[in-house]
Amino acid sequence: QVQLAESGGGLVQPGGSLRLSCTVSGISVSSYAMMWYRQAPGKLREWVASLTSSGLTISADSVKGRFTIDRDNAKNTLYLQMNSLTPEDTAVYYCKGVRGANQYWGQGTQVTVSS
């Protein structure tokens, strides 16, 4: 059974940092394309960043230079380091694994940026 479990969300002040984790079981983060998405209240879910199985990373323009996606193959865990957070980053953050026709989502973790 494949499971993706996000953690690390919470309340942070503008300008602060958070590191999200996505603990994966049933598949290997090193053999799947792994991604982070987010969904703000009243908005569609949007893509944030991707990490390919070969290690290439790409991120959305809205987070470029502030967010970093990486993984720990030994822990089978995906991360999203988020710096210089703004209220516009408030959302539920989801991780996703994709390989071919297979795709798996986590349940999400809430990130709230507010003073």
C-alpha atoms as a PDB file:
ATOM      1  CA  GLN A   1       0.000   0.000   0.000  1.00  0.00           C
ATOM      2  CA  VAL A   2       1.371   3.395  -0.989  1.00  0.00           C
ATOM      3  CA  GLN A   3       1.214   6.158   1.587  1.00  0.00           C
ATOM      4  CA  LEU A   4       2.465   9.731   1.509  1.00  0.00           C
ATOM      5  CA  ALA A   5       2.274  11.656   4.772  1.00  0.00           C
ATOM      6  CA  GLU A   6       3.059  15.376   4.954  1.00  0.00           C
ATOM      7  CA  SER A   7       4.166  17.050   8.156  1.00  0.00           C
ATOM      8  CA  GLY A   8       5.897  20.198   9.325  1.00  0.00           C
ATOM      9  CA  GLY A   9       3.170  22.721   8.630  1.00  0.00           C
ATOM     10  CA  GLY A  10       2.028  25.303  11.123  1.00  0.00           C
ATOM     11  CA  LEU A  11       1.729  28.988  11.877  1.00  0.00           C
ATOM     12  CA  VAL A  12       4.708  31.193  11.022  1.00  0.00           C
ATOM     13  CA  GLN A  13       5.247  34.940  10.880  1.00  0.00           C
ATOM     14  CA  PRO A  14       5.948  36.715   7.592  1.00  0.00           C
ATOM     15  CA  GLY A  15       9.607  36.388   6.722  1.00  0.00           C
ATOM     16  CA  GLY A  16       9.910  33.128   8.604  1.00  0.00           C
ATOM     17  CA  SER A  17      10.799  29.624   7.464  1.00  0.00           C
ATOM     18  CA  LEU A  18       9.320  26.153   7.577  1.00  0.00           C
ATOM     19  CA  ARG A  19      10.520  22.774   6.371  1.00  0.00           C
ATOM     20  CA  LEU A  20       7.831  20.408   5.194  1.00  0.00           C
ATOM     21  CA  SER A  21       8.377  16.666   5.077  1.00  0.00           C
ATOM     22  CA  CYS A  22       6.615  14.005   3.056  1.00  0.00           C
ATOM     23  CA  THR A  23       7.284  10.559   4.450  1.00  0.00           C
ATOM     24  CA  VAL A  24       6.682   7.919   1.801  1.00  0.00           C
ATOM     25  CA  SER A  25       6.028   4.191   1.999  1.00  0.00           C
ATOM     26  CA  GLY A  26       5.230   1.678  -0.724  1.00  0.00           C
ATOM     27  CA  ILE A  27       7.199   3.487  -3.418  1.00  0.00           C
ATOM     28  CA  SER A  28      10.705   4.912  -3.611  1.00  0.00           C
ATOM     29  CA  VAL A  29      11.134   8.683  -3.771  1.00  0.00           C
ATOM     30  CA  SER A  30      14.269   8.126  -5.839  1.00  0.00           C
ATOM     31  CA  SER A  31      12.410   6.296  -8.612  1.00  0.00           C
ATOM     32  CA  TYR A  32       9.405   8.572  -8.873  1.00  0.00           C
ATOM     33  CA  ALA A  33       9.004  12.164  -9.951  1.00  0.00           C
ATOM     34  CA  MET A  34       8.099  13.899  -6.698  1.00  0.00           C
ATOM     35  CA  MET A  35       6.228  17.175  -6.452  1.00  0.00           C
ATOM     36  CA  TRP A  36       4.779  19.688  -4.041  1.00  0.00           C
ATOM     37  CA  TYR A  37       1.470  21.389  -4.682  1.00  0.00           C
ATOM     38  CA  ARG A  38      -0.526  23.844  -2.616  1.00  0.00           C
ATOM     39  CA  GLN A  39      -4.126  24.983  -2.397  1.00  0.00           C
ATOM     40  CA  ALA A  40      -5.128  28.282  -0.855  1.00  0.00           C
ATOM     41  CA  PRO A  41      -8.692  28.912   0.360  1.00  0.00           C
ATOM     42  CA  GLY A  42     -11.016  29.508  -2.572  1.00  0.00           C
ATOM     43  CA  LYS A  43      -8.322  28.787  -5.137  1.00  0.00           C
ATOM     44  CA  LEU A  44      -7.356  25.893  -7.365  1.00  0.00           C
ATOM     45  CA  ARG A  45      -4.541  23.591  -6.370  1.00  0.00           C
ATOM     46  CA  GLU A  46      -1.297  24.829  -7.902  1.00  0.00           C
ATOM     47  CA  TRP A  47       2.033  23.225  -8.574  1.00  0.00           C
ATOM     48  CA  VAL A  48       4.950  24.462  -6.451  1.00  0.00           C
ATOM     49  CA  ALA A  49       8.032  22.409  -7.258  1.00  0.00           C
ATOM     50  CA  SER A  50       9.241  19.131  -8.769  1.00  0.00           C
ATOM     51  CA  LEU A  51      12.166  16.790  -8.265  1.00  0.00           C
ATOM     52  CA  THR A  52      12.765  14.186 -10.944  1.00  0.00           C
ATOM     53  CA  SER A  53      14.103  10.711 -10.304  1.00  0.00           C
ATOM     54  CA  SER A  54      17.395  11.842 -11.853  1.00  0.00           C
ATOM     55  CA  GLY A  55      17.653  14.724  -9.402  1.00  0.00           C
ATOM     56  CA  LEU A  56      16.613  17.674 -11.523  1.00  0.00           C
ATOM     57  CA  THR A  57      14.572  20.346  -9.766  1.00  0.00           C
ATOM     58  CA  ILE A  58      12.219  22.999 -11.023  1.00  0.00           C
ATOM     59  CA  SER A  59       9.978  25.394  -9.155  1.00  0.00           C
ATOM     60  CA  ALA A  60       7.178  27.836  -9.845  1.00  0.00           C
ATOM     61  CA  ASP A  61       8.127  31.460 -10.433  1.00  0.00           C
ATOM     62  CA  SER A  62       6.159  32.478  -7.339  1.00  0.00           C
ATOM     63  CA  VAL A  63       8.501  30.505  -5.045  1.00  0.00           C
ATOM     64  CA  LYS A  64      11.746  30.515  -7.014  1.00  0.00           C
ATOM     65  CA  GLY A  65      14.665  31.568  -4.851  1.00  0.00           C
ATOM     66  CA  ARG A  66      12.656  31.038  -1.651  1.00  0.00           C
ATOM     67  CA  PHE A  67      11.602  27.372  -1.704  1.00  0.00           C
ATOM     68  CA  THR A  68      13.844  24.346  -2.217  1.00  0.00           C
ATOM     69  CA  ILE A  69      12.716  20.799  -2.926  1.00  0.00           C
ATOM     70  CA  ASP A  70      14.954  17.901  -2.012  1.00  0.00           C
ATOM     71  CA  ARG A  71      14.826  14.318  -0.811  1.00  0.00           C
ATOM     72  CA  ASP A  72      16.573  11.870   1.472  1.00  0.00           C
ATOM     73  CA  ASN A  73      16.670   8.524  -0.299  1.00  0.00           C
ATOM     74  CA  ALA A  74      17.727   6.651   2.828  1.00  0.00           C
ATOM     75  CA  LYS A  75      14.736   8.000   4.733  1.00  0.00           C
ATOM     76  CA  ASN A  76      12.483   7.785   1.671  1.00  0.00           C
ATOM     77  CA  THR A  77      11.337  11.308   2.443  1.00  0.00           C
ATOM     78  CA  LEU A  78      10.685  14.388   0.330  1.00  0.00           C
ATOM     79  CA  TYR A  79      11.208  17.880   1.732  1.00  0.00           C
ATOM     80  CA  LEU A  80      10.234  21.433   0.946  1.00  0.00           C
ATOM     81  CA  GLN A  81      12.349  24.119   2.595  1.00  0.00           C
ATOM     82  CA  MET A  82      10.394  27.361   2.600  1.00  0.00           C
ATOM     83  CA  ASN A  83      12.095  30.654   3.388  1.00  0.00           C
ATOM     84  CA  SER A  84      10.991  34.287   3.329  1.00  0.00           C
ATOM     85  CA  LEU A  85       7.379  33.254   3.713  1.00  0.00           C
ATOM     86  CA  THR A  86       4.609  35.717   2.946  1.00  0.00           C
ATOM     87  CA  PRO A  87       0.861  35.611   3.692  1.00  0.00           C
ATOM     88  CA  GLU A  88       0.359  34.646   0.029  1.00  0.00           C
ATOM     89  CA  ASP A  89       2.067  31.328   0.815  1.00  0.00           C
ATOM     90  CA  THR A  90      -0.766  30.362   3.160  1.00  0.00           C
ATOM     91  CA  ALA A  91      -2.244  27.120   1.861  1.00  0.00           C
ATOM     92  CA  VAL A  92      -2.564  23.410   2.374  1.00  0.00           C
ATOM     93  CA  TYR A  93       0.577  21.816   0.968  1.00  0.00           C
ATOM     94  CA  TYR A  94       0.463  18.402  -0.686  1.00  0.00           C
ATOM     95  CA  CYS A  95       3.138  16.035  -1.913  1.00  0.00           C
ATOM     96  CA  LYS A  96       2.667  13.836  -4.950  1.00  0.00           C
ATOM     97  CA  GLY A  97       4.561  10.986  -6.554  1.00  0.00           C
ATOM     98  CA  VAL A  98       4.237  10.181 -10.259  1.00  0.00           C
ATOM     99  CA  ARG A  99       5.639   7.444 -12.453  1.00  0.00           C
ATOM    100  CA  GLY A 100       3.944   6.646 -15.735  1.00  0.00           C
ATOM    101  CA  ALA A 101       0.222   6.249 -15.173  1.00  0.00           C
ATOM    102  CA  ASN A 102       0.655   5.923 -11.421  1.00  0.00           C
ATOM    103  CA  GLN A 103       0.227   8.922  -9.171  1.00  0.00           C
ATOM    104  CA  TYR A 104      -0.170   9.189  -5.421  1.00  0.00           C
ATOM    105  CA  TRP A 105      -1.108  12.117  -3.183  1.00  0.00           C
ATOM    106  CA  GLY A 106      -0.646  12.838   0.465  1.00  0.00           C
ATOM    107  CA  GLN A 107      -3.379  14.241   2.694  1.00  0.00           C
ATOM    108  CA  GLY A 108      -1.826  17.686   3.028  1.00  0.00           C
ATOM    109  CA  THR A 109      -0.428  19.884   5.772  1.00  0.00           C
ATOM    110  CA  GLN A 110      -1.619  23.394   6.593  1.00  0.00           C
ATOM    111  CA  VAL A 111       0.793  26.319   6.375  1.00  0.00           C
ATOM    112  CA  THR A 112      -0.410  29.647   7.687  1.00  0.00           C
ATOM    113  CA  VAL A 113       1.711  32.785   7.370  1.00  0.00           C
ATOM    114  CA  SER A 114       0.396  35.538   9.578  1.00  0.00           C
ATOM    115  CA  SER A 115       1.536  38.057  12.146  1.00  0.00           C
END
